[in-house]
Amino acid sequence: NQLWVEGRYQVTHGARQCLTVTILTNCICNNFNSPRSFSLTTTTLTPQQRQQQPPFRLSVLSFSSTSSVMDSRLVQNLYPLHRCKTIHLVRHAQGIHNVEGEKDHNAYLSEELFDAHLTPLGWKQVDNLRKHVHTYGLSKKIELVITSPLLRTMQTAVGVFGGEGYMDGIDKPPLMVANTGNSSHPAISSLNCPTFVAVEFCREHLGVHPCDRRKSISEYKPLFPAIDFSLIESDADILWKPDVREKNEEVAARGMKFLNWLWTRKEKEIAVVTHSGFLIHTLSAFGDDCHPSIKTEICKPFNNCELRSVVVVDRGMIGPDSSTTNYPGKIPSGPDHPSDDAKEKHPVDSVVPT
C-alpha cells in the first residue's frame, strides 16, 4: 500500500538528505492512524528551482511505528444526517443472456439476446427479493426507485418495489402491463409505490453485446406506463455502438457522474436497479480508506437479484444544505451560556486571608 503525502519541500544542504515527515492519517487499511515518522530520500534543488517547484506528492512505500494497535477513536467518522443518503443497490434478476452466456460466452454477441428479458427463474428471484423488502420494512422507507432503461432491470424494479396485482378500473396506470417481455407475469400496480425513474447513467457496459442495447422509449412506454422516462433525451438508443465496447474506466466514470446526480435529488432513501458490470466498476472507487474486509464487502460481484444497502456521504457540499430533522433551539430565546463559559466570565473571587 502507498500513502501519499502532499506539500512543499525544501532541501537546505547536502547532495542527498533524509527528510523526516510527521503526519496524521486515517488510512485504516494500512493499520495505522496516529502520527508517524517516515524517512524519505530527497535531492537538493537550487534556490531558483525551489521557488519554481509546485506542490508535490511523495509515495511512502514503507513505514515504522511504535504502536500496531489501531486507534479506535479514528476508525469511525461522524457526518450530519442531511449529508447522507441510503442507497439500496440491486442487480437485476436472471436474464436469458445470463443463461446463454454461461454456456458460451460468444452467445453475448447474438442478436437473439437483444434487450434480454427475465427467465422464469429470474421472476422467482424477483418474488423472493420482494418478500425480503416487505419483511424488513424497506418497501415503506424507499422514496425513489431508479432503474436502468433495459427490459430486465425494469422488470426487476417493478416486480420488487411495485404494488400488488393491477385491476382494470383503477385510475392510476400500472407500472407494468401483463405479459411484458415474453413473460406470463400479471400486470403490476403503481398504487402506494415510490416514484420510478429510468436513467441512462446506470446502464450496463455500452456497445457490442446486443443484450445491452435497449428498445426505443416509445416501445417501452406502453409496457411500463407508470415509469418516468422524461430524463432520457433520445427515443432511440444512440449510446450503444455495434463495434465499440465501453472501457471499464469509462463505466466507472459514468458511475461517478450517476452518484453525483443522485445528490441533486431530494430523496434520502433510494433503490437503484442496475447491472453487474456497472456496479463492479462504480464501486471499485470506494473503500480504499477502510479496513480491507470492508473494501472486499463493497466491491465483491453481485449475484442476480442481490440487494446491498450502503450509505453515501456528501463530503463535498454537492447536495442541499437543509436538514428536515435539525432543530435550532433557543425558542423562545433566553440566556444559555454553558457552565464553563460562565465560570470564565464570572470567576470566583479569591479568598484573602485575614
Protein backbone atom coordinates (compact mmCIF):
# COMPACT_ATOMS: atom_id res chain seq x y z
CA ASN A 1 0.00 0.00 0.00
CA GLN A 2 1.10 3.54 -0.66
CA LEU A 3 0.48 6.61 1.42
CA TRP A 4 0.51 9.95 -0.37
CA VAL A 5 1.93 12.98 1.43
CA GLU A 6 1.29 16.37 -0.13
CA GLY A 7 3.12 19.66 0.49
CA ARG A 8 6.17 21.72 -0.47
CA TYR A 9 9.67 20.64 0.40
CA GLN A 10 12.97 22.47 0.81
CA VAL A 11 16.46 20.98 0.98
CA THR A 12 18.97 23.16 2.78
CA HIS A 13 22.20 21.24 2.38
CA GLY A 14 23.73 18.00 1.17
CA ALA A 15 23.55 16.22 -2.16
CA ARG A 16 21.10 13.64 -0.77
CA GLN A 17 19.44 14.21 2.57
CA CYS A 18 16.98 12.26 4.70
CA LEU A 19 13.80 14.28 5.27
CA THR A 20 11.60 13.33 8.21
CA VAL A 21 7.89 13.97 7.78
CA THR A 22 5.36 13.64 10.61
CA ILE A 23 1.75 13.25 9.50
CA LEU A 24 -1.65 12.29 10.80
CA THR A 25 -3.56 9.86 8.60
CA ASN A 26 -6.77 7.90 8.72
CA CYS A 27 -5.58 5.23 6.32
CA ILE A 28 -7.11 2.37 8.29
CA CYS A 29 -6.25 -0.22 5.65
CA ASN A 30 -2.56 0.28 6.43
CA ASN A 31 -3.34 -0.40 10.10
CA PHE A 32 -2.17 2.93 11.49
CA ASN A 33 -3.81 6.26 12.11
CA SER A 34 -1.76 8.26 14.57
CA PRO A 35 1.31 10.47 13.98
CA ARG A 36 4.09 8.51 12.29
CA SER A 37 7.61 9.40 11.17
CA PHE A 38 8.72 8.46 7.67
CA SER A 39 12.21 8.63 6.15
CA LEU A 40 12.20 9.88 2.58
CA THR A 41 15.17 10.34 0.27
CA THR A 42 15.26 13.78 -1.40
CA THR A 43 17.51 15.60 -3.85
CA THR A 44 18.82 19.14 -3.47
CA LEU A 45 17.50 21.97 -5.61
CA THR A 46 18.89 25.40 -6.30
CA PRO A 47 17.03 28.34 -4.69
CA GLN A 48 15.54 29.20 -8.10
CA GLN A 49 14.35 25.62 -8.57
CA ARG A 50 12.80 25.60 -5.10
CA GLN A 51 10.81 28.71 -5.92
CA GLN A 52 9.52 27.11 -9.11
CA GLN A 53 8.74 23.73 -7.56
CA PRO A 54 4.98 23.05 -7.49
CA PRO A 55 3.23 21.16 -4.68
CA PHE A 56 4.46 17.59 -4.78
CA ARG A 57 3.37 14.08 -3.89
CA LEU A 58 5.66 11.65 -2.11
CA SER A 59 4.94 7.95 -2.31
CA VAL A 60 5.69 6.28 1.01
CA LEU A 61 6.21 2.57 0.43
CA SER A 62 7.09 1.58 4.00
CA PHE A 63 6.62 2.90 7.48
CA SER A 64 7.65 2.28 11.07
CA SER A 65 5.50 2.72 14.14
CA THR A 66 5.83 2.36 17.88
CA SER A 67 2.25 1.09 18.03
CA SER A 68 0.49 -1.52 15.90
CA VAL A 69 -2.86 -1.06 17.60
CA MET A 70 -5.48 0.87 15.64
CA ASP A 71 -6.79 3.94 17.44
CA SER A 72 -10.50 3.16 17.71
CA ARG A 73 -11.34 6.84 18.08
CA LEU A 74 -10.33 7.43 14.46
CA VAL A 75 -11.89 4.30 12.94
CA GLN A 76 -15.37 5.83 12.88
CA ASN A 77 -16.45 9.07 11.27
CA LEU A 78 -19.42 11.28 12.08
CA TYR A 79 -21.40 13.24 9.48
CA PRO A 80 -24.59 15.34 9.56
CA LEU A 81 -27.58 13.18 8.70
CA HIS A 82 -28.71 15.51 5.91
CA ARG A 83 -25.32 14.95 4.21
CA CYS A 84 -26.08 11.22 3.87
CA LYS A 85 -28.25 9.08 1.61
CA THR A 86 -29.09 5.40 1.95
CA ILE A 87 -28.80 3.64 -1.40
CA HIS A 88 -30.17 0.13 -1.92
CA LEU A 89 -28.22 -1.32 -4.85
CA VAL A 90 -29.87 -4.15 -6.76
CA ARG A 91 -28.59 -6.20 -9.65
CA HIS A 92 -31.34 -7.38 -11.99
CA ALA A 93 -32.67 -10.93 -11.71
CA GLN A 94 -31.56 -13.71 -14.06
CA GLY A 95 -31.98 -12.85 -17.73
CA ILE A 96 -31.87 -15.10 -20.75
CA HIS A 97 -28.44 -13.70 -21.61
CA ASN A 98 -27.06 -14.90 -18.23
CA VAL A 99 -28.10 -18.46 -19.04
CA GLU A 100 -26.83 -18.49 -22.60
CA GLY A 101 -23.65 -16.59 -21.77
CA GLU A 102 -22.69 -19.10 -19.10
CA LYS A 103 -22.94 -21.89 -21.66
CA ASP A 104 -20.98 -20.00 -24.32
CA HIS A 105 -19.52 -16.50 -23.90
CA ASN A 106 -19.87 -15.88 -27.62
CA ALA A 107 -23.63 -16.00 -27.13
CA TYR A 108 -23.44 -12.42 -25.84
CA LEU A 109 -22.88 -11.42 -29.47
CA SER A 110 -26.18 -12.95 -30.56
CA GLU A 111 -29.00 -10.69 -31.76
CA GLU A 112 -31.41 -13.22 -30.27
CA LEU A 113 -30.48 -11.82 -26.84
CA PHE A 114 -31.30 -8.22 -27.83
CA ASP A 115 -32.57 -6.36 -24.72
CA ALA A 116 -32.67 -9.60 -22.73
CA HIS A 117 -35.76 -10.31 -20.63
CA LEU A 118 -36.03 -12.22 -17.36
CA THR A 119 -36.22 -16.01 -17.28
CA PRO A 120 -38.92 -17.84 -15.27
CA LEU A 121 -36.22 -18.43 -12.62
CA GLY A 122 -35.50 -14.69 -12.70
CA TRP A 123 -39.12 -13.92 -11.84
CA LYS A 124 -38.90 -16.32 -8.89
CA GLN A 125 -35.82 -14.40 -7.73
CA VAL A 126 -37.82 -11.19 -8.02
CA ASP A 127 -40.64 -12.63 -5.91
CA ASN A 128 -38.19 -13.69 -3.18
CA LEU A 129 -36.49 -10.30 -3.04
CA ARG A 130 -39.90 -8.65 -2.92
CA LYS A 131 -40.77 -10.74 0.15
CA HIS A 132 -37.47 -9.67 1.74
CA VAL A 133 -38.00 -5.91 1.25
CA HIS A 134 -41.51 -6.20 2.70
CA THR A 135 -40.43 -8.38 5.65
CA TYR A 136 -37.73 -5.93 6.70
CA GLY A 137 -39.75 -2.78 6.05
CA LEU A 138 -37.65 -1.45 3.16
CA SER A 139 -40.70 -1.07 0.95
CA LYS A 140 -42.08 1.57 3.33
CA LYS A 141 -38.80 3.50 3.56
CA ILE A 142 -37.78 3.80 -0.09
CA GLU A 143 -38.81 7.13 -1.61
CA LEU A 144 -37.47 6.69 -5.14
CA VAL A 145 -36.63 3.78 -7.44
CA ILE A 146 -34.04 4.42 -10.16
CA THR A 147 -33.84 1.83 -12.91
CA SER A 148 -31.66 1.29 -15.93
CA PRO A 149 -33.89 1.56 -19.02
CA LEU A 150 -33.41 -2.02 -20.17
CA LEU A 151 -36.13 -4.63 -20.08
CA ARG A 152 -34.57 -6.91 -17.46
CA THR A 153 -33.86 -4.09 -14.99
CA MET A 154 -37.31 -2.53 -15.35
CA GLN A 155 -38.96 -5.93 -14.89
CA THR A 156 -36.89 -6.44 -11.74
CA ALA A 157 -37.55 -2.94 -10.40
CA VAL A 158 -41.33 -3.02 -10.71
CA GLY A 159 -41.52 -6.64 -9.56
CA VAL A 160 -39.56 -5.96 -6.37
CA PHE A 161 -40.69 -2.45 -5.42
CA GLY A 162 -44.03 -2.13 -7.22
CA GLY A 163 -47.56 -2.58 -5.88
CA GLU A 164 -49.76 -5.63 -5.84
CA GLY A 165 -51.64 -7.02 -8.82
CA TYR A 166 -53.26 -4.43 -11.06
CA MET A 167 -57.01 -4.44 -11.70
CA ASP A 168 -58.88 -2.75 -14.53
CA GLY A 169 -60.81 0.30 -13.43
CA ILE A 170 -58.06 1.72 -11.22
CA ASP A 171 -57.48 5.34 -12.18
CA LYS A 172 -53.67 5.10 -11.97
CA PRO A 173 -51.68 3.44 -14.79
CA PRO A 174 -49.85 0.21 -13.98
CA LEU A 175 -46.11 0.04 -13.57
CA MET A 176 -46.06 -2.90 -15.99
CA VAL A 177 -48.75 -4.37 -18.20
CA ALA A 178 -49.41 -8.11 -18.21
CA ASN A 179 -47.12 -10.49 -20.10
CA THR A 180 -44.39 -7.89 -20.71
CA GLY A 181 -41.12 -9.25 -22.09
CA ASN A 182 -42.19 -12.80 -23.06
CA SER A 183 -43.41 -13.39 -19.51
CA SER A 184 -46.68 -14.69 -18.19
CA HIS A 185 -46.49 -12.24 -15.30
CA PRO A 186 -49.66 -10.33 -14.42
CA ALA A 187 -49.80 -6.54 -14.51
CA ILE A 188 -48.17 -4.68 -11.59
CA SER A 189 -49.92 -1.79 -9.86
CA SER A 190 -48.41 1.62 -9.18
CA LEU A 191 -50.66 2.27 -6.16
CA ASN A 192 -48.91 3.13 -2.88
CA CYS A 193 -45.48 2.96 -4.53
CA PRO A 194 -42.48 5.27 -4.69
CA THR A 195 -41.70 7.15 -7.89
CA PHE A 196 -39.97 5.08 -10.60
CA VAL A 197 -37.49 6.89 -12.88
CA ALA A 198 -35.48 5.42 -15.78
CA VAL A 199 -31.92 6.79 -16.03
CA GLU A 200 -29.34 6.10 -18.76
CA PHE A 201 -26.37 6.76 -16.43
CA CYS A 202 -26.79 3.37 -14.68
CA ARG A 203 -26.88 1.17 -17.77
CA GLU A 204 -24.62 -1.82 -18.32
CA HIS A 205 -21.43 -1.67 -20.41
CA LEU A 206 -22.36 0.02 -23.68
CA GLY A 207 -21.66 -1.46 -27.09
CA VAL A 208 -21.10 -4.73 -29.00
CA HIS A 209 -23.37 -7.01 -26.90
CA PRO A 210 -26.97 -6.86 -28.22
CA CYS A 211 -28.30 -7.87 -24.78
CA ASP A 212 -27.17 -4.44 -23.53
CA ARG A 213 -28.95 -2.49 -26.29
CA ARG A 214 -32.32 -1.05 -25.34
CA LYS A 215 -35.52 -0.67 -27.29
CA SER A 216 -36.87 2.75 -28.15
CA ILE A 217 -38.56 4.66 -25.34
CA SER A 218 -41.73 4.81 -27.42
CA GLU A 219 -41.81 0.99 -27.31
CA TYR A 220 -41.24 0.89 -23.54
CA LYS A 221 -43.87 3.44 -22.51
CA PRO A 222 -46.91 1.24 -23.29
CA LEU A 223 -45.26 -1.67 -21.43
CA PHE A 224 -44.29 0.37 -18.33
CA PRO A 225 -46.86 3.19 -18.25
CA ALA A 226 -46.05 4.48 -14.74
CA ILE A 227 -42.25 4.64 -15.14
CA ASP A 228 -40.96 8.17 -15.73
CA PHE A 229 -38.81 8.23 -18.90
CA SER A 230 -38.57 12.02 -19.08
CA LEU A 231 -34.85 12.13 -18.21
CA ILE A 232 -33.93 10.09 -21.30
CA GLU A 233 -33.18 12.50 -24.11
CA SER A 234 -33.26 10.21 -27.14
CA ASP A 235 -36.07 7.87 -28.14
CA ALA A 236 -33.64 5.57 -29.97
CA ASP A 237 -30.61 4.02 -28.28
CA ILE A 238 -27.84 6.26 -29.59
CA LEU A 239 -25.38 5.34 -26.82
CA TRP A 240 -24.89 1.70 -27.87
CA LYS A 241 -22.39 1.13 -30.69
CA PRO A 242 -22.14 -2.20 -32.58
CA ASP A 243 -18.36 -2.15 -32.87
CA VAL A 244 -17.10 -0.31 -29.76
CA ARG A 245 -17.35 -1.70 -26.23
CA GLU A 246 -17.23 0.85 -23.43
CA LYS A 247 -13.99 0.63 -21.41
CA ASN A 248 -14.07 -0.30 -17.72
CA GLU A 249 -12.74 3.10 -16.68
CA GLU A 250 -15.42 4.79 -18.77
CA VAL A 251 -18.10 2.78 -16.96
CA ALA A 252 -16.55 3.81 -13.62
CA ALA A 253 -16.53 7.48 -14.65
CA ARG A 254 -20.16 7.23 -15.71
CA GLY A 255 -20.94 5.65 -12.34
CA MET A 256 -19.41 8.60 -10.50
CA LYS A 257 -21.49 11.01 -12.59
CA PHE A 258 -24.54 8.97 -11.65
CA LEU A 259 -23.75 9.17 -7.92
CA ASN A 260 -23.20 12.93 -8.20
CA TRP A 261 -26.57 13.20 -9.93
CA LEU A 262 -28.21 11.32 -7.05
CA TRP A 263 -27.20 14.21 -4.78
CA THR A 264 -29.39 16.54 -6.79
CA ARG A 265 -32.42 14.51 -5.71
CA LYS A 266 -34.26 15.44 -2.51
CA GLU A 267 -34.97 11.79 -1.61
CA LYS A 268 -32.83 10.30 1.16
CA GLU A 269 -33.59 6.59 0.69
CA ILE A 270 -33.26 5.38 -2.89
CA ALA A 271 -33.27 1.99 -4.64
CA VAL A 272 -31.12 1.61 -7.76
CA VAL A 273 -31.78 -1.38 -10.03
CA THR A 274 -28.88 -1.83 -12.42
CA HIS A 275 -26.29 -4.28 -13.78
CA SER A 276 -23.29 -6.32 -12.63
CA GLY A 277 -20.63 -4.54 -14.67
CA PHE A 278 -21.90 -1.09 -13.77
CA LEU A 279 -21.86 -1.97 -10.06
CA ILE A 280 -18.42 -3.60 -10.08
CA HIS A 281 -16.66 -0.72 -11.83
CA THR A 282 -18.51 2.06 -9.99
CA LEU A 283 -17.93 0.59 -6.53
CA SER A 284 -14.25 -0.13 -7.21
CA ALA A 285 -13.55 3.56 -6.48
CA PHE A 286 -14.65 3.16 -2.86
CA GLY A 287 -13.30 1.53 0.28
CA ASP A 288 -9.59 2.31 -0.05
CA ASP A 289 -9.70 4.25 3.24
CA CYS A 290 -11.33 1.35 5.09
CA HIS A 291 -10.28 -1.96 6.58
CA PRO A 292 -9.55 -4.42 3.73
CA SER A 293 -12.53 -6.59 4.66
CA ILE A 294 -14.87 -3.62 4.17
CA LYS A 295 -13.29 -2.88 0.78
CA THR A 296 -13.96 -6.51 -0.15
CA GLU A 297 -17.54 -6.28 1.06
CA ILE A 298 -18.16 -3.15 -1.01
CA CYS A 299 -16.53 -4.39 -4.21
CA LYS A 300 -17.43 -8.07 -4.43
CA PRO A 301 -19.52 -9.01 -7.51
CA PHE A 302 -23.32 -9.02 -7.18
CA ASN A 303 -25.44 -12.13 -7.64
CA ASN A 304 -28.59 -11.95 -9.72
CA CYS A 305 -31.28 -10.11 -7.75
CA GLU A 306 -28.92 -9.33 -4.87
CA LEU A 307 -29.67 -6.24 -2.78
CA ARG A 308 -26.90 -4.45 -0.93
CA SER A 309 -27.55 -1.33 1.16
CA VAL A 310 -24.91 1.40 1.50
CA VAL A 311 -24.72 4.89 2.92
CA VAL A 312 -23.27 7.60 0.69
CA VAL A 313 -21.83 10.69 2.40
CA ASP A 314 -21.71 14.13 0.80
CA ARG A 315 -18.31 15.48 1.88
CA GLY A 316 -18.10 17.97 -0.98
CA MET A 317 -21.23 20.07 -0.41
CA ILE A 318 -22.86 18.65 -3.57
CA GLY A 319 -26.29 18.18 -2.05
CA PRO A 320 -28.75 20.63 -0.49
CA ASP A 321 -27.84 22.32 2.78
CA SER A 322 -31.15 22.00 4.59
CA SER A 323 -31.98 19.40 7.23
CA THR A 324 -35.50 18.22 7.98
CA THR A 325 -34.62 16.90 11.44
CA ASN A 326 -32.28 19.54 12.91
CA TYR A 327 -33.92 21.98 15.34
CA PRO A 328 -32.29 25.37 16.07
CA GLY A 329 -33.27 25.58 19.75
CA LYS A 330 -33.47 28.74 21.85
CA ILE A 331 -37.18 29.15 21.11
CA PRO A 332 -38.20 31.25 22.98
CA SER A 333 -34.87 32.99 23.36
CA GLY A 334 -33.06 33.38 26.67
CA PRO A 335 -29.62 33.27 28.31
CA ASP A 336 -27.93 29.97 27.61
CA HIS A 337 -24.24 30.34 28.46
CA PRO A 338 -22.61 26.94 29.10
CA SER A 339 -21.32 26.47 32.63
CA ASP A 340 -17.70 26.59 31.51
CA ASP A 341 -18.28 29.95 29.79
CA ALA A 342 -19.99 31.28 32.90
CA LYS A 343 -17.02 30.32 35.03
CA GLU A 344 -14.65 32.21 32.69
CA LYS A 345 -16.86 35.31 32.58
CA HIS A 346 -17.57 35.33 36.34
CA PRO A 347 -14.52 33.92 38.10
CA VAL A 348 -14.85 33.21 41.80
CA ASP A 349 -13.10 35.92 43.84
CA SER A 350 -10.02 34.63 45.57
CA VAL A 351 -10.25 34.47 49.36
CA VAL A 352 -7.98 36.96 51.14
CA PRO A 353 -6.71 35.56 54.46
CA THR A 354 -7.36 37.73 57.46
